[in-house]
């Protein structure tokens, strides 16, 4: 199941509760959102550190080759610039 579906199904238990309980629910959802964001950041950092091991030297600070932005939108990861563009430029 996707995270959004799980949260939506769980919210069904809280939808008709008192406002105080709903506030706690929304704080919980916000915390989950923060945790997902941090996990994505860690995953990208670890991937880049692995890439640095391959192309870099511990004695020389590597120079950034490109900047890649990753966005999660409508349950789809989007990259800017696109990975196709980066592959084409590498050739």
PDB file of N, CA and C in Angstrom:
ATOM      1  N   UNK A   1       0.835  -1.189   0.000  1.00  0.00           N
ATOM      2  CA  UNK A   1       0.000   0.000   0.000  1.00  0.00           C
ATOM      3  C   UNK A   1       0.877   1.249   0.000  1.00  0.00           C
ATOM      4  N   UNK A   2       0.369   2.280  -0.554  1.00  0.00           N
ATOM      5  CA  UNK A   2       1.092   3.542  -0.562  1.00  0.00           C
ATOM      6  C   UNK A   2       0.829   4.296   0.733  1.00  0.00           C
ATOM      7  N   UNK A   3       1.769   5.151   1.096  1.00  0.00           N
ATOM      8  CA  UNK A   3       1.684   5.893   2.351  1.00  0.00           C
ATOM      9  C   UNK A   3       0.400   6.710   2.423  1.00  0.00           C
ATOM     10  N   UNK A   4       0.070   7.366   1.331  1.00  0.00           N
ATOM     11  CA  UNK A   4      -1.134   8.205   1.322  1.00  0.00           C
ATOM     12  C   UNK A   4      -2.384   7.372   1.593  1.00  0.00           C
ATOM     13  N   UNK A   5      -2.458   6.191   1.011  1.00  0.00           N
ATOM     14  CA  UNK A   5      -3.624   5.328   1.232  1.00  0.00           C
ATOM     15  C   UNK A   5      -3.716   4.894   2.690  1.00  0.00           C
ATOM     16  N   UNK A   6      -2.575   4.542   3.264  1.00  0.00           N
ATOM     17  CA  UNK A   6      -2.564   4.107   4.661  1.00  0.00           C
ATOM     18  C   UNK A   6      -3.017   5.239   5.573  1.00  0.00           C
ATOM     19  N   UNK A   7      -2.487   6.438   5.346  1.00  0.00           N
ATOM     20  CA  UNK A   7      -2.889   7.585   6.172  1.00  0.00           C
ATOM     21  C   UNK A   7      -4.368   7.903   5.992  1.00  0.00           C
ATOM     22  N   UNK A   8      -4.840   7.809   4.754  1.00  0.00           N
ATOM     23  CA  UNK A   8      -6.250   8.099   4.482  1.00  0.00           C
ATOM     24  C   UNK A   8      -7.156   7.095   5.196  1.00  0.00           C
ATOM     25  N   UNK A   9      -6.788   5.822   5.131  1.00  0.00           N
ATOM     26  CA  UNK A   9      -7.591   4.804   5.806  1.00  0.00           C
ATOM     27  C   UNK A   9      -7.554   4.984   7.321  1.00  0.00           C
ATOM     28  N   UNK A  10      -6.412   5.365   7.840  1.00  0.00           N
ATOM     29  CA  UNK A  10      -6.288   5.592   9.279  1.00  0.00           C
ATOM     30  C   UNK A  10      -7.104   6.807   9.708  1.00  0.00           C
ATOM     31  N   UNK A  11      -7.112   7.844   8.854  1.00  0.00           N
ATOM     32  CA  UNK A  11      -7.859   9.068   9.177  1.00  0.00           C
ATOM     33  C   UNK A  11      -9.353   8.792   9.318  1.00  0.00           C
ATOM     34  N   UNK A  12      -9.852   7.802   8.603  1.00  0.00           N
ATOM     35  CA  UNK A  12     -11.275   7.473   8.698  1.00  0.00           C
ATOM     36  C   UNK A  12     -11.697   7.228  10.141  1.00  0.00           C
ATOM     37  N   UNK A  13     -10.777   6.755  10.977  1.00  0.00           N
ATOM     38  CA  UNK A  13     -11.089   6.511  12.387  1.00  0.00           C
ATOM     39  C   UNK A  13     -11.161   7.803  13.202  1.00  0.00           C
ATOM     40  N   UNK A  14     -10.608   8.891  12.675  1.00  0.00           N
ATOM     41  CA  UNK A  14     -10.533  10.145  13.424  1.00  0.00           C
ATOM     42  C   UNK A  14     -11.444  11.242  12.868  1.00  0.00           C
ATOM     43  N   UNK A  15     -12.026  11.032  11.698  1.00  0.00           N
ATOM     44  CA  UNK A  15     -12.724  12.094  10.996  1.00  0.00           C
ATOM     45  C   UNK A  15     -13.873  12.698  11.803  1.00  0.00           C
ATOM     46  N   UNK A  16     -14.556  11.912  12.601  1.00  0.00           N
ATOM     47  CA  UNK A  16     -15.695  12.430  13.352  1.00  0.00           C
ATOM     48  C   UNK A  16     -15.372  12.633  14.832  1.00  0.00           C
ATOM     49  N   UNK A  17     -14.117  12.727  15.172  1.00  0.00           N
ATOM     50  CA  UNK A  17     -13.693  12.923  16.560  1.00  0.00           C
ATOM     51  C   UNK A  17     -13.687  14.416  16.910  1.00  0.00           C
ATOM     52  N   UNK A  18     -13.468  14.681  18.171  1.00  0.00           N
ATOM     53  CA  UNK A  18     -13.413  16.069  18.659  1.00  0.00           C
ATOM     54  C   UNK A  18     -12.264  16.814  17.982  1.00  0.00           C
ATOM     55  N   UNK A  19     -12.353  18.149  17.913  1.00  0.00           N
ATOM     56  CA  UNK A  19     -11.297  18.957  17.279  1.00  0.00           C
ATOM     57  C   UNK A  19      -9.918  18.733  17.887  1.00  0.00           C
ATOM     58  N   UNK A  20      -9.862  18.490  19.219  1.00  0.00           N
ATOM     59  CA  UNK A  20      -8.559  18.261  19.860  1.00  0.00           C
ATOM     60  C   UNK A  20      -7.892  17.006  19.300  1.00  0.00           C
ATOM     61  N   UNK A  21      -8.690  16.000  19.085  1.00  0.00           N
ATOM     62  CA  UNK A  21      -8.155  14.735  18.550  1.00  0.00           C
ATOM     63  C   UNK A  21      -7.709  14.933  17.103  1.00  0.00           C
ATOM     64  N   UNK A  22      -8.481  15.697  16.346  1.00  0.00           N
ATOM     65  CA  UNK A  22      -8.090  15.961  14.962  1.00  0.00           C
ATOM     66  C   UNK A  22      -6.790  16.754  14.906  1.00  0.00           C
ATOM     67  N   UNK A  23      -6.577  17.676  15.855  1.00  0.00           N
ATOM     68  CA  UNK A  23      -5.319  18.426  15.904  1.00  0.00           C
ATOM     69  C   UNK A  23      -4.137  17.480  16.106  1.00  0.00           C
ATOM     70  N   UNK A  24      -4.311  16.518  16.993  1.00  0.00           N
ATOM     71  CA  UNK A  24      -3.254  15.526  17.226  1.00  0.00           C
ATOM     72  C   UNK A  24      -3.010  14.736  15.941  1.00  0.00           C
ATOM     73  N   UNK A  25      -4.069  14.387  15.241  1.00  0.00           N
ATOM     74  CA  UNK A  25      -3.937  13.654  13.978  1.00  0.00           C
ATOM     75  C   UNK A  25      -3.108  14.453  12.971  1.00  0.00           C
ATOM     76  N   UNK A  26      -3.428  15.728  12.819  1.00  0.00           N
ATOM     77  CA  UNK A  26      -2.708  16.532  11.833  1.00  0.00           C
ATOM     78  C   UNK A  26      -1.243  16.740  12.235  1.00  0.00           C
ATOM     79  N   UNK A  27      -0.964  16.818  13.537  1.00  0.00           N
ATOM     80  CA  UNK A  27       0.437  16.888  13.978  1.00  0.00           C
ATOM     81  C   UNK A  27       1.157  15.587  13.630  1.00  0.00           C
ATOM     82  N   UNK A  28       0.461  14.466  13.791  1.00  0.00           N
ATOM     83  CA  UNK A  28       1.032  13.168  13.443  1.00  0.00           C
ATOM     84  C   UNK A  28       1.355  13.104  11.955  1.00  0.00           C
ATOM     85  N   UNK A  29       0.430  13.542  11.105  1.00  0.00           N
ATOM     86  CA  UNK A  29       0.647  13.529   9.658  1.00  0.00           C
ATOM     87  C   UNK A  29       1.822  14.432   9.291  1.00  0.00           C
ATOM     88  N   UNK A  30       1.926  15.570   9.936  1.00  0.00           N
ATOM     89  CA  UNK A  30       3.038  16.479   9.693  1.00  0.00           C
ATOM     90  C   UNK A  30       4.364  15.821  10.062  1.00  0.00           C
ATOM     91  N   UNK A  31       4.381  15.111  11.182  1.00  0.00           N
ATOM     92  CA  UNK A  31       5.599  14.412  11.623  1.00  0.00           C
ATOM     93  C   UNK A  31       5.979  13.317  10.622  1.00  0.00           C
ATOM     94  N   UNK A  32       5.000  12.572  10.145  1.00  0.00           N
ATOM     95  CA  UNK A  32       5.265  11.535   9.139  1.00  0.00           C
ATOM     96  C   UNK A  32       5.853  12.172   7.880  1.00  0.00           C
ATOM     97  N   UNK A  33       5.299  13.308   7.465  1.00  0.00           N
ATOM     98  CA  UNK A  33       5.790  14.024   6.294  1.00  0.00           C
ATOM     99  C   UNK A  33       7.258  14.422   6.484  1.00  0.00           C
ATOM    100  N   UNK A  34       7.590  14.943   7.664  1.00  0.00           N
ATOM    101  CA  UNK A  34       8.974  15.326   7.962  1.00  0.00           C
ATOM    102  C   UNK A  34       9.902  14.115   7.916  1.00  0.00           C
ATOM    103  N   UNK A  35       9.446  12.988   8.464  1.00  0.00           N
ATOM    104  CA  UNK A  35      10.268  11.784   8.478  1.00  0.00           C
ATOM    105  C   UNK A  35      10.518  11.259   7.065  1.00  0.00           C
ATOM    106  N   UNK A  36       9.519  11.326   6.212  1.00  0.00           N
ATOM    107  CA  UNK A  36       9.682  10.891   4.824  1.00  0.00           C
ATOM    108  C   UNK A  36      10.678  11.808   4.118  1.00  0.00           C
ATOM    109  N   UNK A  37      10.558  13.107   4.346  1.00  0.00           N
ATOM    110  CA  UNK A  37      11.481  14.066   3.737  1.00  0.00           C
ATOM    111  C   UNK A  37      12.926  13.784   4.175  1.00  0.00           C
ATOM    112  N   UNK A  38      13.122  13.558   5.469  1.00  0.00           N
ATOM    113  CA  UNK A  38      14.470  13.273   5.973  1.00  0.00           C
ATOM    114  C   UNK A  38      15.013  11.959   5.406  1.00  0.00           C
ATOM    115  N   UNK A  39      14.152  10.962   5.277  1.00  0.00           N
ATOM    116  CA  UNK A  39      14.585   9.677   4.710  1.00  0.00           C
ATOM    117  C   UNK A  39      15.015   9.850   3.251  1.00  0.00           C
ATOM    118  N   UNK A  40      14.275  10.647   2.495  1.00  0.00           N
ATOM    119  CA  UNK A  40      14.659  10.906   1.104  1.00  0.00           C
ATOM    120  C   UNK A  40      15.988  11.644   1.035  1.00  0.00           C
ATOM    121  N   UNK A  41      16.179  12.622   1.912  1.00  0.00           N
ATOM    122  CA  UNK A  41      17.443  13.361   1.942  1.00  0.00           C
ATOM    123  C   UNK A  41      18.609  12.427   2.260  1.00  0.00           C
ATOM    124  N   UNK A  42      18.411  11.548   3.270  1.00  0.00           N
ATOM    125  CA  UNK A  42      19.473  10.604   3.627  1.00  0.00           C
ATOM    126  C   UNK A  42      19.781   9.659   2.473  1.00  0.00           C
ATOM    127  N   UNK A  43      18.750   9.193   1.787  1.00  0.00           N
ATOM    128  CA  UNK A  43      18.956   8.281   0.665  1.00  0.00           C
ATOM    129  C   UNK A  43      19.756   8.953  -0.445  1.00  0.00           C
ATOM    130  N   UNK A  44      19.427  10.200  -0.738  1.00  0.00           N
ATOM    131  CA  UNK A  44      20.158  10.932  -1.776  1.00  0.00           C
ATOM    132  C   UNK A  44      21.596  11.159  -1.326  1.00  0.00           C
ATOM    133  N   UNK A  45      21.786  11.556  -0.067  1.00  0.00           N
ATOM    134  CA  UNK A  45      23.136  11.804   0.447  1.00  0.00           C
ATOM    135  C   UNK A  45      23.985  10.540   0.379  1.00  0.00           C
ATOM    136  N   UNK A  46      23.436   9.421   0.811  1.00  0.00           N
ATOM    137  CA  UNK A  46      24.185   8.162   0.777  1.00  0.00           C
ATOM    138  C   UNK A  46      24.541   7.793  -0.662  1.00  0.00           C
ATOM    139  N   UNK A  47      23.592   7.985  -1.579  1.00  0.00           N
ATOM    140  CA  UNK A  47      23.863   7.692  -2.990  1.00  0.00           C
ATOM    141  C   UNK A  47      24.980   8.571  -3.525  1.00  0.00           C
ATOM    142  N   UNK A  48      24.953   9.846  -3.176  1.00  0.00           N
ATOM    143  CA  UNK A  48      25.995  10.755  -3.649  1.00  0.00           C
ATOM    144  C   UNK A  48      27.348  10.436  -3.018  1.00  0.00           C
ATOM    145  N   UNK A  49      27.360  10.016  -1.758  1.00  0.00           N
ATOM    146  CA  UNK A  49      28.612   9.624  -1.124  1.00  0.00           C
ATOM    147  C   UNK A  49      29.203   8.384  -1.804  1.00  0.00           C
ATOM    148  N   UNK A  50      28.341   7.462  -2.192  1.00  0.00           N
ATOM    149  CA  UNK A  50      28.810   6.284  -2.929  1.00  0.00           C
ATOM    150  C   UNK A  50      29.380   6.698  -4.284  1.00  0.00           C
ATOM    151  N   UNK A  51      28.726   7.637  -4.943  1.00  0.00           N
ATOM    152  CA  UNK A  51      29.221   8.148  -6.220  1.00  0.00           C
ATOM    153  C   UNK A  51      30.572   8.834  -6.025  1.00  0.00           C
ATOM    154  N   UNK A  52      30.712   9.573  -4.945  1.00  0.00           N
ATOM    155  CA  UNK A  52      31.974  10.253  -4.659  1.00  0.00           C
ATOM    156  C   UNK A  52      33.103   9.240  -4.487  1.00  0.00           C
ATOM    157  N   UNK A  53      32.806   8.106  -3.854  1.00  0.00           N
ATOM    158  CA  UNK A  53      33.831   7.073  -3.693  1.00  0.00           C
ATOM    159  C   UNK A  53      34.339   6.591  -5.044  1.00  0.00           C
ATOM    160  N   UNK A  54      33.434   6.533  -6.007  1.00  0.00           N
ATOM    161  CA  UNK A  54      33.796   6.031  -7.333  1.00  0.00           C
ATOM    162  C   UNK A  54      34.587   7.065  -8.120  1.00  0.00           C
ATOM    163  N   UNK A  55      34.175   8.332  -8.073  1.00  0.00           N
ATOM    164  CA  UNK A  55      34.807   9.340  -8.936  1.00  0.00           C
ATOM    165  C   UNK A  55      35.752  10.280  -8.207  1.00  0.00           C
ATOM    166  N   UNK A  56      35.750  10.238  -6.879  1.00  0.00           N
ATOM    167  CA  UNK A  56      36.547  11.212  -6.144  1.00  0.00           C
ATOM    168  C   UNK A  56      37.761  10.603  -5.478  1.00  0.00           C
ATOM    169  N   UNK A  57      38.542  11.467  -4.857  1.00  0.00           N
ATOM    170  CA  UNK A  57      39.722  11.087  -4.111  1.00  0.00           C
ATOM    171  C   UNK A  57      39.564  11.690  -2.726  1.00  0.00           C
ATOM    172  N   UNK A  58      39.921  10.951  -1.682  1.00  0.00           N
ATOM    173  CA  UNK A  58      39.763  11.452  -0.321  1.00  0.00           C
ATOM    174  C   UNK A  58      40.605  12.700  -0.052  1.00  0.00           C
ATOM    175  N   UNK A  59      41.653  12.897  -0.826  1.00  0.00           N
ATOM    176  CA  UNK A  59      42.554  14.022  -0.588  1.00  0.00           C
ATOM    177  C   UNK A  59      42.133  15.288  -1.328  1.00  0.00           C
ATOM    178  N   UNK A  60      41.297  15.136  -2.337  1.00  0.00           N
ATOM    179  CA  UNK A  60      40.871  16.273  -3.146  1.00  0.00           C
ATOM    180  C   UNK A  60      39.360  16.406  -3.040  1.00  0.00           C
ATOM    181  N   UNK A  61      38.903  17.600  -2.726  1.00  0.00           N
ATOM    182  CA  UNK A  61      37.468  17.836  -2.654  1.00  0.00           C
ATOM    183  C   UNK A  61      36.896  17.811  -4.063  1.00  0.00           C
ATOM    184  N   UNK A  62      35.903  16.961  -4.309  1.00  0.00           N
ATOM    185  CA  UNK A  62      35.328  16.897  -5.660  1.00  0.00           C
ATOM    186  C   UNK A  62      34.580  18.179  -6.008  1.00  0.00           C
ATOM    187  N   UNK A  63      34.575  18.500  -7.266  1.00  0.00           N
ATOM    188  CA  UNK A  63      33.855  19.658  -7.776  1.00  0.00           C
ATOM    189  C   UNK A  63      32.482  19.188  -8.234  1.00  0.00           C
ATOM    190  N   UNK A  64      31.422  19.885  -7.843  1.00  0.00           N
ATOM    191  CA  UNK A  64      30.084  19.462  -8.293  1.00  0.00           C
ATOM    192  C   UNK A  64      29.995  19.431  -9.814  1.00  0.00           C
ATOM    193  N   UNK A  65      29.428  18.354 -10.327  1.00  0.00           N
ATOM    194  CA  UNK A  65      29.278  18.190 -11.766  1.00  0.00           C
ATOM    195  C   UNK A  65      27.939  18.739 -12.232  1.00  0.00           C
ATOM    196  N   UNK A  66      26.920  18.525 -11.428  1.00  0.00           N
ATOM    197  CA  UNK A  66      25.590  19.013 -11.766  1.00  0.00           C
ATOM    198  C   UNK A  66      24.759  19.106 -10.497  1.00  0.00           C
ATOM    199  N   UNK A  67      23.647  19.818 -10.600  1.00  0.00           N
ATOM    200  CA  UNK A  67      22.690  19.910  -9.501  1.00  0.00           C
ATOM    201  C   UNK A  67      21.426  19.193  -9.947  1.00  0.00           C
ATOM    202  N   UNK A  68      20.958  18.283  -9.128  1.00  0.00           N
ATOM    203  CA  UNK A  68      19.763  17.512  -9.447  1.00  0.00           C
ATOM    204  C   UNK A  68      18.727  17.758  -8.361  1.00  0.00           C
ATOM    205  N   UNK A  69      17.560  18.206  -8.774  1.00  0.00           N
ATOM    206  CA  UNK A  69      16.447  18.414  -7.845  1.00  0.00           C
ATOM    207  C   UNK A  69      15.485  17.245  -7.981  1.00  0.00           C
ATOM    208  N   UNK A  70      14.997  16.754  -6.841  1.00  0.00           N
ATOM    209  CA  UNK A  70      14.047  15.648  -6.834  1.00  0.00           C
ATOM    210  C   UNK A  70      12.780  16.128  -6.141  1.00  0.00           C
ATOM    211  N   UNK A  71      11.645  15.898  -6.792  1.00  0.00           N
ATOM    212  CA  UNK A  71      10.361  16.292  -6.226  1.00  0.00           C
ATOM    213  C   UNK A  71       9.419  15.098  -6.228  1.00  0.00           C
ATOM    214  N   UNK A  72       8.662  14.966  -5.164  1.00  0.00           N
ATOM    215  CA  UNK A  72       7.638  13.943  -5.068  1.00  0.00           C
ATOM    216  C   UNK A  72       6.301  14.627  -5.301  1.00  0.00           C
ATOM    217  N   UNK A  73       5.657  14.305  -6.438  1.00  0.00           N
ATOM    218  CA  UNK A  73       4.403  14.954  -6.794  1.00  0.00           C
ATOM    219  C   UNK A  73       3.434  13.914  -7.320  1.00  0.00           C
ATOM    220  N   UNK A  74       2.276  13.851  -6.731  1.00  0.00           N
ATOM    221  CA  UNK A  74       1.241  12.890  -7.134  1.00  0.00           C
ATOM    222  C   UNK A  74       1.792  11.468  -7.159  1.00  0.00           C
ATOM    223  N   UNK A  75       2.513  11.118  -6.101  1.00  0.00           N
ATOM    224  CA  UNK A  75       3.082   9.774  -5.957  1.00  0.00           C
ATOM    225  C   UNK A  75       4.091   9.420  -7.040  1.00  0.00           C
ATOM    226  N   UNK A  76       4.678  10.431  -7.674  1.00  0.00           N
ATOM    227  CA  UNK A  76       5.669  10.216  -8.722  1.00  0.00           C
ATOM    228  C   UNK A  76       6.896  11.063  -8.424  1.00  0.00           C
ATOM    229  N   UNK A  77       8.069  10.430  -8.556  1.00  0.00           N
ATOM    230  CA  UNK A  77       9.309  11.190  -8.390  1.00  0.00           C
ATOM    231  C   UNK A  77       9.607  11.927  -9.682  1.00  0.00           C
ATOM    232  N   UNK A  78       9.940  13.207  -9.563  1.00  0.00           N
ATOM    233  CA  UNK A  78      10.319  14.003 -10.723  1.00  0.00           C
ATOM    234  C   UNK A  78      11.722  14.539 -10.523  1.00  0.00           C
ATOM    235  N   UNK A  79      12.523  14.522 -11.586  1.00  0.00           N
ATOM    236  CA  UNK A  79      13.897  14.991 -11.518  1.00  0.00           C
ATOM    237  C   UNK A  79      14.072  16.206 -12.417  1.00  0.00           C
ATOM    238  N   UNK A  80      14.869  17.160 -11.947  1.00  0.00           N
ATOM    239  CA  UNK A  80      15.160  18.329 -12.748  1.00  0.00           C
ATOM    240  C   UNK A  80      16.645  18.633 -12.633  1.00  0.00           C
ATOM    241  N   UNK A  81      17.417  18.600 -13.729  1.00  0.00           N
ATOM    242  CA  UNK A  81      17.007  18.210 -15.068  1.00  0.00           C
ATOM    243  C   UNK A  81      16.648  16.728 -15.106  1.00  0.00           C
ATOM    244  N   UNK A  82      15.987  16.331 -16.171  1.00  0.00           N
ATOM    245  CA  UNK A  82      15.554  14.939 -16.280  1.00  0.00           C
ATOM    246  C   UNK A  82      16.767  14.026 -16.405  1.00  0.00           C
ATOM    247  N   UNK A  83      16.584  12.786 -15.985  1.00  0.00           N
ATOM    248  CA  UNK A  83      17.675  11.827 -16.104  1.00  0.00           C
ATOM    249  C   UNK A  83      18.014  11.571 -17.563  1.00  0.00           C
ATOM    250  N   UNK A  84      17.032  11.618 -18.447  1.00  0.00           N
ATOM    251  CA  UNK A  84      17.314  11.457 -19.889  1.00  0.00           C
ATOM    252  C   UNK A  84      18.238  12.564 -20.380  1.00  0.00           C
ATOM    253  N   UNK A  85      17.998  13.794 -19.935  1.00  0.00           N
ATOM    254  CA  UNK A  85      18.833  14.909 -20.322  1.00  0.00           C
ATOM    255  C   UNK A  85      20.268  14.721 -19.834  1.00  0.00           C
ATOM    256  N   UNK A  86      20.418  14.299 -18.556  1.00  0.00           N
ATOM    257  CA  UNK A  86      21.750  14.087 -18.009  1.00  0.00           C
ATOM    258  C   UNK A  86      22.498  12.981 -18.743  1.00  0.00           C
ATOM    259  N   UNK A  87      21.792  11.920 -19.107  1.00  0.00           N
ATOM    260  CA  UNK A  87      22.423  10.824 -19.853  1.00  0.00           C
ATOM    261  C   UNK A  87      22.855  11.307 -21.223  1.00  0.00           C
ATOM    262  N   UNK A  88      21.990  12.074 -21.881  1.00  0.00           N
ATOM    263  CA  UNK A  88      22.329  12.595 -23.216  1.00  0.00           C
ATOM    264  C   UNK A  88      23.543  13.517 -23.150  1.00  0.00           C
ATOM    265  N   UNK A  89      23.641  14.332 -22.101  1.00  0.00           N
ATOM    266  CA  UNK A  89      24.769  15.254 -21.958  1.00  0.00           C
ATOM    267  C   UNK A  89      26.074  14.525 -21.638  1.00  0.00           C
ATOM    268  N   UNK A  90      25.972  13.357 -21.024  1.00  0.00           N
ATOM    269  CA  UNK A  90      27.166  12.591 -20.671  1.00  0.00           C
ATOM    270  C   UNK A  90      27.796  11.909 -21.877  1.00  0.00           C
ATOM    271  N   UNK A  91      27.039  11.777 -22.936  1.00  0.00           N
ATOM    272  CA  UNK A  91      27.554  11.078 -24.138  1.00  0.00           C
ATOM    273  C   UNK A  91      28.376  11.969 -24.978  1.00  0.00           C
TER     274      UNK A  91
END
